[in-house]
């Protein structure tokens, strides 16, 4: 669960890295291999994207605004 903007940034960077890996694998793997590997990457990307959206859709609390990130 993402609790601050720093964790948000790290998670967004991880999503981008996973997408780059997936794009590389797509170019080099045989179709059967790609399907086997892609599913795991997809699930992880979707999980992280859900965390990002959950964090971004939460309103800022007064407590959060007073604490540095």
C-alpha atoms as a PDB file:
ATOM      1  CA  UNK A   1       0.000   0.000   0.000  1.00  0.00           C
ATOM      2  CA  UNK A   2       1.348   3.391  -1.002  1.00  0.00           C
ATOM      3  CA  UNK A   3       1.379   5.852   1.888  1.00  0.00           C
ATOM      4  CA  UNK A   4       3.296   8.859   0.563  1.00  0.00           C
ATOM      5  CA  UNK A   5       4.386  10.628  -2.600  1.00  0.00           C
ATOM      6  CA  UNK A   6       7.867   9.071  -2.526  1.00  0.00           C
ATOM      7  CA  UNK A   7       6.370   5.576  -2.572  1.00  0.00           C
ATOM      8  CA  UNK A   8       4.071   6.717  -5.372  1.00  0.00           C
ATOM      9  CA  UNK A   9       7.078   7.804  -7.430  1.00  0.00           C
ATOM     10  CA  UNK A  10       8.929   4.530  -6.796  1.00  0.00           C
ATOM     11  CA  UNK A  11       5.881   2.474  -7.754  1.00  0.00           C
ATOM     12  CA  UNK A  12       5.373   4.465 -10.947  1.00  0.00           C
ATOM     13  CA  UNK A  13       9.039   3.897 -11.836  1.00  0.00           C
ATOM     14  CA  UNK A  14       8.637   0.161 -11.182  1.00  0.00           C
ATOM     15  CA  UNK A  15       5.574   0.054 -13.454  1.00  0.00           C
ATOM     16  CA  UNK A  16       7.563   1.737 -16.223  1.00  0.00           C
ATOM     17  CA  UNK A  17      10.442  -0.725 -15.757  1.00  0.00           C
ATOM     18  CA  UNK A  18       8.117  -3.730 -15.887  1.00  0.00           C
ATOM     19  CA  UNK A  19       6.557  -2.344 -19.075  1.00  0.00           C
ATOM     20  CA  UNK A  20      10.014  -1.925 -20.648  1.00  0.00           C
ATOM     21  CA  UNK A  21      10.907  -5.516 -19.718  1.00  0.00           C
ATOM     22  CA  UNK A  22       7.637  -6.743 -21.164  1.00  0.00           C
ATOM     23  CA  UNK A  23       8.317  -4.862 -24.415  1.00  0.00           C
ATOM     24  CA  UNK A  24      11.813  -6.403 -24.616  1.00  0.00           C
ATOM     25  CA  UNK A  25      10.544  -9.904 -23.940  1.00  0.00           C
ATOM     26  CA  UNK A  26       7.841  -9.428 -26.547  1.00  0.00           C
ATOM     27  CA  UNK A  27      10.537  -8.769 -29.157  1.00  0.00           C
ATOM     28  CA  UNK A  28      12.796 -11.680 -28.250  1.00  0.00           C
ATOM     29  CA  UNK A  29      10.693 -14.531 -26.848  1.00  0.00           C
ATOM     30  CA  UNK A  30       8.963 -17.245 -28.823  1.00  0.00           C
ATOM     31  CA  UNK A  31       5.143 -16.986 -28.680  1.00  0.00           C
ATOM     32  CA  UNK A  32       4.745 -19.827 -26.170  1.00  0.00           C
ATOM     33  CA  UNK A  33       7.464 -18.408 -23.934  1.00  0.00           C
ATOM     34  CA  UNK A  34       6.035 -14.924 -24.142  1.00  0.00           C
ATOM     35  CA  UNK A  35       2.584 -16.021 -23.045  1.00  0.00           C
ATOM     36  CA  UNK A  36       4.044 -17.870 -20.066  1.00  0.00           C
ATOM     37  CA  UNK A  37       6.179 -14.944 -18.923  1.00  0.00           C
ATOM     38  CA  UNK A  38       3.855 -12.069 -19.847  1.00  0.00           C
ATOM     39  CA  UNK A  39       1.100 -13.173 -17.490  1.00  0.00           C
ATOM     40  CA  UNK A  40       3.253 -12.637 -14.412  1.00  0.00           C
ATOM     41  CA  UNK A  41       4.403  -9.210 -15.560  1.00  0.00           C
ATOM     42  CA  UNK A  42       0.837  -8.234 -16.409  1.00  0.00           C
ATOM     43  CA  UNK A  43      -0.471  -9.237 -12.988  1.00  0.00           C
ATOM     44  CA  UNK A  44       2.282  -7.288 -11.243  1.00  0.00           C
ATOM     45  CA  UNK A  45       1.723  -4.203 -13.403  1.00  0.00           C
ATOM     46  CA  UNK A  46      -2.026  -4.341 -12.760  1.00  0.00           C
ATOM     47  CA  UNK A  47      -1.471  -4.764  -9.000  1.00  0.00           C
ATOM     48  CA  UNK A  48       0.852  -1.763  -8.863  1.00  0.00           C
ATOM     49  CA  UNK A  49      -1.465   0.346 -11.031  1.00  0.00           C
ATOM     50  CA  UNK A  50      -4.330  -0.432  -8.654  1.00  0.00           C
ATOM     51  CA  UNK A  51      -2.189   0.735  -5.720  1.00  0.00           C
ATOM     52  CA  UNK A  52      -1.336   3.951  -7.562  1.00  0.00           C
ATOM     53  CA  UNK A  53      -4.993   4.678  -8.295  1.00  0.00           C
ATOM     54  CA  UNK A  54      -6.013   3.865  -4.729  1.00  0.00           C
ATOM     55  CA  UNK A  55      -3.440   6.328  -3.414  1.00  0.00           C
ATOM     56  CA  UNK A  56      -4.265   9.062  -5.930  1.00  0.00           C
ATOM     57  CA  UNK A  57      -8.001   8.819  -5.294  1.00  0.00           C
ATOM     58  CA  UNK A  58      -7.646   9.292  -1.529  1.00  0.00           C
ATOM     59  CA  UNK A  59      -8.135  12.885  -0.416  1.00  0.00           C
ATOM     60  CA  UNK A  60      -5.287  14.545   1.430  1.00  0.00           C
ATOM     61  CA  UNK A  61      -5.861  14.755   5.144  1.00  0.00           C
ATOM     62  CA  UNK A  62      -4.844  17.751   7.224  1.00  0.00           C
ATOM     63  CA  UNK A  63      -2.354  15.507   9.001  1.00  0.00           C
ATOM     64  CA  UNK A  64      -0.729  14.501   5.704  1.00  0.00           C
ATOM     65  CA  UNK A  65      -0.454  18.089   4.495  1.00  0.00           C
ATOM     66  CA  UNK A  66       1.487  19.123   7.601  1.00  0.00           C
ATOM     67  CA  UNK A  67       4.067  16.309   7.355  1.00  0.00           C
ATOM     68  CA  UNK A  68       6.902  16.474   4.845  1.00  0.00           C
ATOM     69  CA  UNK A  69       6.922  13.658   2.263  1.00  0.00           C
END
